[in-house]
């Protein structure tokens, strides 16, 4: 279970941007990740059954999966 906040690189709209990720523990032991771009919350996602899902936000499916992949890479460091 990740407990520290971290920053990841995220490709969106043809440019690479830095996204701050804040880990939010949940009652079912599956952490959620609140993602901020330039100080504005853009999404809250979590990984259920091996697939990233958006709990809040307006990212498209590809964006959710790309963001989740970057989070996965950070978590294995």
PDB file of N, CA and C in Angstrom:
ATOM      1  N   UNK A   1       0.847  -1.185   0.000  1.00  0.00           N
ATOM      2  CA  UNK A   1       0.000   0.000   0.000  1.00  0.00           C
ATOM      3  C   UNK A   1       0.888   1.242   0.000  1.00  0.00           C
ATOM      4  N   UNK A   2       0.758   2.075  -0.994  1.00  0.00           N
ATOM      5  CA  UNK A   2       1.515   3.322  -1.111  1.00  0.00           C
ATOM      6  C   UNK A   2       0.954   4.348  -0.133  1.00  0.00           C
ATOM      7  N   UNK A   3       1.833   5.021   0.601  1.00  0.00           N
ATOM      8  CA  UNK A   3       1.347   6.010   1.557  1.00  0.00           C
ATOM      9  C   UNK A   3       1.856   7.415   1.263  1.00  0.00           C
ATOM     10  N   UNK A   4       2.857   7.557   0.420  1.00  0.00           N
ATOM     11  CA  UNK A   4       3.413   8.868   0.120  1.00  0.00           C
ATOM     12  C   UNK A   4       2.785   9.450  -1.136  1.00  0.00           C
ATOM     13  N   UNK A   5       2.706  10.759  -1.172  1.00  0.00           N
ATOM     14  CA  UNK A   5       2.274  11.435  -2.384  1.00  0.00           C
ATOM     15  C   UNK A   5       3.469  11.502  -3.327  1.00  0.00           C
ATOM     16  N   UNK A   6       3.199  11.627  -4.619  1.00  0.00           N
ATOM     17  CA  UNK A   6       4.276  11.640  -5.598  1.00  0.00           C
ATOM     18  C   UNK A   6       3.833  12.392  -6.845  1.00  0.00           C
ATOM     19  N   UNK A   7       4.786  12.636  -7.734  1.00  0.00           N
ATOM     20  CA  UNK A   7       4.526  13.334  -8.983  1.00  0.00           C
ATOM     21  C   UNK A   7       4.891  12.409 -10.134  1.00  0.00           C
ATOM     22  N   UNK A   8       4.015  12.369 -11.145  1.00  0.00           N
ATOM     23  CA  UNK A   8       4.268  11.537 -12.322  1.00  0.00           C
ATOM     24  C   UNK A   8       4.195  12.398 -13.581  1.00  0.00           C
ATOM     25  N   UNK A   9       4.738  11.874 -14.649  1.00  0.00           N
ATOM     26  CA  UNK A   9       4.664  12.514 -15.956  1.00  0.00           C
ATOM     27  C   UNK A   9       3.464  11.921 -16.689  1.00  0.00           C
ATOM     28  N   UNK A  10       2.678  12.791 -17.325  1.00  0.00           N
ATOM     29  CA  UNK A  10       1.447  12.345 -17.978  1.00  0.00           C
ATOM     30  C   UNK A  10       1.320  13.032 -19.327  1.00  0.00           C
ATOM     31  N   UNK A  11       1.140  12.250 -20.373  1.00  0.00           N
ATOM     32  CA  UNK A  11       0.984  12.758 -21.731  1.00  0.00           C
ATOM     33  C   UNK A  11      -0.483  13.063 -21.988  1.00  0.00           C
ATOM     34  N   UNK A  12      -0.785  14.326 -22.265  1.00  0.00           N
ATOM     35  CA  UNK A  12      -2.169  14.714 -22.542  1.00  0.00           C
ATOM     36  C   UNK A  12      -2.166  15.863 -23.547  1.00  0.00           C
ATOM     37  N   UNK A  13      -3.005  15.739 -24.553  1.00  0.00           N
ATOM     38  CA  UNK A  13      -3.130  16.793 -25.546  1.00  0.00           C
ATOM     39  C   UNK A  13      -1.845  17.072 -26.293  1.00  0.00           C
ATOM     40  N   UNK A  14      -1.040  16.043 -26.497  1.00  0.00           N
ATOM     41  CA  UNK A  14       0.193  16.205 -27.255  1.00  0.00           C
ATOM     42  C   UNK A  14       1.357  16.777 -26.466  1.00  0.00           C
ATOM     43  N   UNK A  15       1.163  17.046 -25.189  1.00  0.00           N
ATOM     44  CA  UNK A  15       2.269  17.560 -24.386  1.00  0.00           C
ATOM     45  C   UNK A  15       2.388  16.752 -23.097  1.00  0.00           C
ATOM     46  N   UNK A  16       3.605  16.738 -22.592  1.00  0.00           N
ATOM     47  CA  UNK A  16       3.864  16.021 -21.350  1.00  0.00           C
ATOM     48  C   UNK A  16       3.699  16.989 -20.188  1.00  0.00           C
ATOM     49  N   UNK A  17       2.952  16.559 -19.181  1.00  0.00           N
ATOM     50  CA  UNK A  17       2.675  17.414 -18.030  1.00  0.00           C
ATOM     51  C   UNK A  17       2.966  16.649 -16.757  1.00  0.00           C
ATOM     52  N   UNK A  18       3.258  17.400 -15.707  1.00  0.00           N
ATOM     53  CA  UNK A  18       3.493  16.784 -14.400  1.00  0.00           C
ATOM     54  C   UNK A  18       2.199  16.794 -13.610  1.00  0.00           C
ATOM     55  N   UNK A  19       1.863  15.642 -13.078  1.00  0.00           N
ATOM     56  CA  UNK A  19       0.639  15.475 -12.302  1.00  0.00           C
ATOM     57  C   UNK A  19       1.025  15.082 -10.875  1.00  0.00           C
ATOM     58  N   UNK A  20       0.517  15.833  -9.904  1.00  0.00           N
ATOM     59  CA  UNK A  20       0.720  15.488  -8.501  1.00  0.00           C
ATOM     60  C   UNK A  20      -0.350  14.480  -8.107  1.00  0.00           C
ATOM     61  N   UNK A  21       0.083  13.395  -7.476  1.00  0.00           N
ATOM     62  CA  UNK A  21      -0.822  12.319  -7.091  1.00  0.00           C
ATOM     63  C   UNK A  21      -0.831  12.211  -5.569  1.00  0.00           C
ATOM     64  N   UNK A  22      -2.007  12.276  -5.005  1.00  0.00           N
ATOM     65  CA  UNK A  22      -2.185  12.150  -3.566  1.00  0.00           C
ATOM     66  C   UNK A  22      -2.910  10.842  -3.284  1.00  0.00           C
ATOM     67  N   UNK A  23      -2.280  10.010  -2.474  1.00  0.00           N
ATOM     68  CA  UNK A  23      -2.840   8.703  -2.145  1.00  0.00           C
ATOM     69  C   UNK A  23      -3.905   8.887  -1.068  1.00  0.00           C
ATOM     70  N   UNK A  24      -5.067   8.292  -1.325  1.00  0.00           N
ATOM     71  CA  UNK A  24      -6.175   8.379  -0.372  1.00  0.00           C
ATOM     72  C   UNK A  24      -6.599   6.947  -0.027  1.00  0.00           C
ATOM     73  N   UNK A  25      -6.246   6.480   1.175  1.00  0.00           N
ATOM     74  CA  UNK A  25      -6.653   5.129   1.570  1.00  0.00           C
ATOM     75  C   UNK A  25      -8.180   5.020   1.623  1.00  0.00           C
ATOM     76  N   UNK A  26      -8.677   3.831   1.362  1.00  0.00           N
ATOM     77  CA  UNK A  26     -10.127   3.609   1.421  1.00  0.00           C
ATOM     78  C   UNK A  26     -10.430   2.523   2.445  1.00  0.00           C
ATOM     79  N   UNK A  27     -11.681   2.389   2.766  1.00  0.00           N
ATOM     80  CA  UNK A  27     -12.079   1.412   3.773  1.00  0.00           C
ATOM     81  C   UNK A  27     -11.984  -0.034   3.286  1.00  0.00           C
ATOM     82  N   UNK A  28     -11.924  -0.231   1.961  1.00  0.00           N
ATOM     83  CA  UNK A  28     -11.826  -1.601   1.437  1.00  0.00           C
ATOM     84  C   UNK A  28     -10.389  -1.989   1.068  1.00  0.00           C
ATOM     85  N   UNK A  29      -9.413  -1.222   1.571  1.00  0.00           N
ATOM     86  CA  UNK A  29      -7.984  -1.493   1.364  1.00  0.00           C
ATOM     87  C   UNK A  29      -7.522  -1.365  -0.079  1.00  0.00           C
ATOM     88  N   UNK A  30      -8.289  -0.717  -0.942  1.00  0.00           N
ATOM     89  CA  UNK A  30      -7.856  -0.412  -2.299  1.00  0.00           C
ATOM     90  C   UNK A  30      -7.695   1.108  -2.366  1.00  0.00           C
ATOM     91  N   UNK A  31      -6.431   1.544  -2.383  1.00  0.00           N
ATOM     92  CA  UNK A  31      -6.166   2.974  -2.385  1.00  0.00           C
ATOM     93  C   UNK A  31      -6.765   3.655  -3.613  1.00  0.00           C
ATOM     94  N   UNK A  32      -7.161   4.898  -3.436  1.00  0.00           N
ATOM     95  CA  UNK A  32      -7.546   5.724  -4.572  1.00  0.00           C
ATOM     96  C   UNK A  32      -6.478   6.788  -4.735  1.00  0.00           C
ATOM     97  N   UNK A  33      -6.392   7.335  -5.930  1.00  0.00           N
ATOM     98  CA  UNK A  33      -5.350   8.298  -6.263  1.00  0.00           C
ATOM     99  C   UNK A  33      -6.013   9.554  -6.804  1.00  0.00           C
ATOM    100  N   UNK A  34      -5.840  10.650  -6.058  1.00  0.00           N
ATOM    101  CA  UNK A  34      -6.402  11.936  -6.460  1.00  0.00           C
ATOM    102  C   UNK A  34      -5.301  12.665  -7.216  1.00  0.00           C
ATOM    103  N   UNK A  35      -5.609  13.044  -8.462  1.00  0.00           N
ATOM    104  CA  UNK A  35      -4.605  13.597  -9.364  1.00  0.00           C
ATOM    105  C   UNK A  35      -4.853  15.078  -9.604  1.00  0.00           C
ATOM    106  N   UNK A  36      -3.780  15.863  -9.480  1.00  0.00           N
ATOM    107  CA  UNK A  36      -3.845  17.313  -9.632  1.00  0.00           C
ATOM    108  C   UNK A  36      -2.914  17.767 -10.743  1.00  0.00           C
ATOM    109  N   UNK A  37      -3.414  18.650 -11.588  1.00  0.00           N
ATOM    110  CA  UNK A  37      -2.619  19.270 -12.641  1.00  0.00           C
ATOM    111  C   UNK A  37      -2.661  20.767 -12.407  1.00  0.00           C
ATOM    112  N   UNK A  38      -1.496  21.377 -12.215  1.00  0.00           N
ATOM    113  CA  UNK A  38      -1.408  22.817 -11.926  1.00  0.00           C
ATOM    114  C   UNK A  38      -2.279  23.209 -10.735  1.00  0.00           C
ATOM    115  N   UNK A  39      -2.324  22.356  -9.716  1.00  0.00           N
ATOM    116  CA  UNK A  39      -3.077  22.643  -8.510  1.00  0.00           C
ATOM    117  C   UNK A  39      -4.571  22.370  -8.589  1.00  0.00           C
ATOM    118  N   UNK A  40      -5.052  21.970  -9.756  1.00  0.00           N
ATOM    119  CA  UNK A  40      -6.479  21.696  -9.940  1.00  0.00           C
ATOM    120  C   UNK A  40      -6.710  20.191 -10.010  1.00  0.00           C
ATOM    121  N   UNK A  41      -7.687  19.713  -9.247  1.00  0.00           N
ATOM    122  CA  UNK A  41      -7.990  18.278  -9.254  1.00  0.00           C
ATOM    123  C   UNK A  41      -8.600  17.888 -10.598  1.00  0.00           C
ATOM    124  N   UNK A  42      -7.962  16.920 -11.257  1.00  0.00           N
ATOM    125  CA  UNK A  42      -8.453  16.503 -12.577  1.00  0.00           C
ATOM    126  C   UNK A  42      -9.118  15.136 -12.549  1.00  0.00           C
ATOM    127  N   UNK A  43      -8.789  14.304 -11.551  1.00  0.00           N
ATOM    128  CA  UNK A  43      -9.379  12.962 -11.522  1.00  0.00           C
ATOM    129  C   UNK A  43      -9.094  12.285 -10.195  1.00  0.00           C
ATOM    130  N   UNK A  44      -9.930  11.318  -9.894  1.00  0.00           N
ATOM    131  CA  UNK A  44      -9.678  10.388  -8.797  1.00  0.00           C
ATOM    132  C   UNK A  44      -9.880   9.004  -9.383  1.00  0.00           C
ATOM    133  N   UNK A  45      -8.821   8.178  -9.311  1.00  0.00           N
ATOM    134  CA  UNK A  45      -8.888   6.860  -9.929  1.00  0.00           C
ATOM    135  C   UNK A  45      -8.458   5.789  -8.925  1.00  0.00           C
ATOM    136  N   UNK A  46      -8.812   4.551  -9.247  1.00  0.00           N
ATOM    137  CA  UNK A  46      -8.373   3.400  -8.464  1.00  0.00           C
ATOM    138  C   UNK A  46      -8.304   2.198  -9.381  1.00  0.00           C
ATOM    139  N   UNK A  47      -7.580   1.186  -8.941  1.00  0.00           N
ATOM    140  CA  UNK A  47      -7.418  -0.028  -9.742  1.00  0.00           C
ATOM    141  C   UNK A  47      -8.286  -1.122  -9.151  1.00  0.00           C
ATOM    142  N   UNK A  48      -9.278  -1.571  -9.928  1.00  0.00           N
ATOM    143  CA  UNK A  48     -10.173  -2.651  -9.529  1.00  0.00           C
ATOM    144  C   UNK A  48     -10.020  -3.808 -10.500  1.00  0.00           C
ATOM    145  N   UNK A  49      -9.762  -4.983  -9.982  1.00  0.00           N
ATOM    146  CA  UNK A  49      -9.644  -6.192 -10.812  1.00  0.00           C
ATOM    147  C   UNK A  49      -8.683  -5.997 -11.971  1.00  0.00           C
ATOM    148  N   UNK A  50      -7.561  -5.333 -11.711  1.00  0.00           N
ATOM    149  CA  UNK A  50      -6.527  -5.159 -12.721  1.00  0.00           C
ATOM    150  C   UNK A  50      -6.768  -4.047 -13.715  1.00  0.00           C
ATOM    151  N   UNK A  51      -7.849  -3.291 -13.585  1.00  0.00           N
ATOM    152  CA  UNK A  51      -8.151  -2.215 -14.533  1.00  0.00           C
ATOM    153  C   UNK A  51      -8.367  -0.910 -13.778  1.00  0.00           C
ATOM    154  N   UNK A  52      -7.806   0.161 -14.328  1.00  0.00           N
ATOM    155  CA  UNK A  52      -7.961   1.475 -13.721  1.00  0.00           C
ATOM    156  C   UNK A  52      -9.342   2.033 -14.043  1.00  0.00           C
ATOM    157  N   UNK A  53      -9.988   2.591 -13.013  1.00  0.00           N
ATOM    158  CA  UNK A  53     -11.329   3.163 -13.175  1.00  0.00           C
ATOM    159  C   UNK A  53     -11.360   4.548 -12.563  1.00  0.00           C
ATOM    160  N   UNK A  54     -12.109   5.418 -13.173  1.00  0.00           N
ATOM    161  CA  UNK A  54     -12.238   6.788 -12.702  1.00  0.00           C
ATOM    162  C   UNK A  54     -13.435   6.913 -11.768  1.00  0.00           C
ATOM    163  N   UNK A  55     -13.185   7.418 -10.568  1.00  0.00           N
ATOM    164  CA  UNK A  55     -14.260   7.654  -9.615  1.00  0.00           C
ATOM    165  C   UNK A  55     -14.819   9.065  -9.784  1.00  0.00           C
ATOM    166  N   UNK A  56     -13.943   9.973 -10.186  1.00  0.00           N
ATOM    167  CA  UNK A  56     -14.331  11.359 -10.392  1.00  0.00           C
ATOM    168  C   UNK A  56     -13.404  11.958 -11.441  1.00  0.00           C
ATOM    169  N   UNK A  57     -13.935  12.774 -12.310  1.00  0.00           N
ATOM    170  CA  UNK A  57     -13.109  13.459 -13.298  1.00  0.00           C
ATOM    171  C   UNK A  57     -13.700  13.351 -14.687  1.00  0.00           C
ATOM    172  N   UNK A  58     -12.987  13.934 -15.639  1.00  0.00           N
ATOM    173  CA  UNK A  58     -13.473  13.969 -17.013  1.00  0.00           C
ATOM    174  C   UNK A  58     -12.468  13.410 -18.007  1.00  0.00           C
ATOM    175  N   UNK A  59     -11.587  12.536 -17.555  1.00  0.00           N
ATOM    176  CA  UNK A  59     -10.631  11.925 -18.476  1.00  0.00           C
ATOM    177  C   UNK A  59     -11.330  10.862 -19.312  1.00  0.00           C
ATOM    178  N   UNK A  60     -10.876  10.723 -20.564  1.00  0.00           N
ATOM    179  CA  UNK A  60     -11.415   9.640 -21.377  1.00  0.00           C
ATOM    180  C   UNK A  60     -10.744   8.329 -20.965  1.00  0.00           C
ATOM    181  N   UNK A  61     -11.230   7.230 -21.489  1.00  0.00           N
ATOM    182  CA  UNK A  61     -10.734   5.912 -21.086  1.00  0.00           C
ATOM    183  C   UNK A  61      -9.232   5.776 -21.318  1.00  0.00           C
ATOM    184  N   UNK A  62      -8.735   6.266 -22.447  1.00  0.00           N
ATOM    185  CA  UNK A  62      -7.295   6.193 -22.721  1.00  0.00           C
ATOM    186  C   UNK A  62      -6.506   7.000 -21.700  1.00  0.00           C
ATOM    187  N   UNK A  63      -7.010   8.168 -21.351  1.00  0.00           N
ATOM    188  CA  UNK A  63      -6.344   9.001 -20.361  1.00  0.00           C
ATOM    189  C   UNK A  63      -6.289   8.337 -19.007  1.00  0.00           C
ATOM    190  N   UNK A  64      -7.381   7.694 -18.619  1.00  0.00           N
ATOM    191  CA  UNK A  64      -7.425   6.985 -17.335  1.00  0.00           C
ATOM    192  C   UNK A  64      -6.376   5.882 -17.314  1.00  0.00           C
ATOM    193  N   UNK A  65      -6.305   5.104 -18.379  1.00  0.00           N
ATOM    194  CA  UNK A  65      -5.360   3.986 -18.421  1.00  0.00           C
ATOM    195  C   UNK A  65      -3.920   4.495 -18.467  1.00  0.00           C
ATOM    196  N   UNK A  66      -3.639   5.571 -19.223  1.00  0.00           N
ATOM    197  CA  UNK A  66      -2.281   6.136 -19.274  1.00  0.00           C
ATOM    198  C   UNK A  66      -1.867   6.653 -17.894  1.00  0.00           C
ATOM    199  N   UNK A  67      -2.774   7.349 -17.238  1.00  0.00           N
ATOM    200  CA  UNK A  67      -2.495   7.859 -15.901  1.00  0.00           C
ATOM    201  C   UNK A  67      -2.245   6.695 -14.938  1.00  0.00           C
ATOM    202  N   UNK A  68      -3.079   5.674 -15.008  1.00  0.00           N
ATOM    203  CA  UNK A  68      -2.908   4.491 -14.167  1.00  0.00           C
ATOM    204  C   UNK A  68      -1.592   3.781 -14.410  1.00  0.00           C
ATOM    205  N   UNK A  69      -1.176   3.682 -15.673  1.00  0.00           N
ATOM    206  CA  UNK A  69       0.099   3.052 -15.998  1.00  0.00           C
ATOM    207  C   UNK A  69       1.256   3.802 -15.352  1.00  0.00           C
ATOM    208  N   UNK A  70       1.191   5.122 -15.384  1.00  0.00           N
ATOM    209  CA  UNK A  70       2.243   5.927 -14.766  1.00  0.00           C
ATOM    210  C   UNK A  70       2.248   5.743 -13.246  1.00  0.00           C
ATOM    211  N   UNK A  71       1.075   5.630 -12.655  1.00  0.00           N
ATOM    212  CA  UNK A  71       0.987   5.371 -11.214  1.00  0.00           C
ATOM    213  C   UNK A  71       1.582   3.998 -10.899  1.00  0.00           C
ATOM    214  N   UNK A  72       1.240   2.986 -11.707  1.00  0.00           N
ATOM    215  CA  UNK A  72       1.800   1.652 -11.508  1.00  0.00           C
ATOM    216  C   UNK A  72       3.331   1.701 -11.538  1.00  0.00           C
ATOM    217  N   UNK A  73       3.896   2.436 -12.505  1.00  0.00           N
ATOM    218  CA  UNK A  73       5.360   2.533 -12.618  1.00  0.00           C
ATOM    219  C   UNK A  73       5.945   3.174 -11.369  1.00  0.00           C
ATOM    220  N   UNK A  74       5.283   4.177 -10.835  1.00  0.00           N
ATOM    221  CA  UNK A  74       5.759   4.835  -9.624  1.00  0.00           C
ATOM    222  C   UNK A  74       5.680   3.895  -8.414  1.00  0.00           C
ATOM    223  N   UNK A  75       4.641   3.097  -8.348  1.00  0.00           N
ATOM    224  CA  UNK A  75       4.444   2.216  -7.196  1.00  0.00           C
ATOM    225  C   UNK A  75       5.457   1.089  -7.124  1.00  0.00           C
ATOM    226  N   UNK A  76       6.031   0.704  -8.258  1.00  0.00           N
ATOM    227  CA  UNK A  76       7.008  -0.398  -8.236  1.00  0.00           C
ATOM    228  C   UNK A  76       8.432   0.089  -7.991  1.00  0.00           C
ATOM    229  N   UNK A  77       8.630   1.383  -7.892  1.00  0.00           N
ATOM    230  CA  UNK A  77       9.967   1.924  -7.637  1.00  0.00           C
ATOM    231  C   UNK A  77      10.439   1.539  -6.261  1.00  0.00           C
TER     232      UNK A  77
END
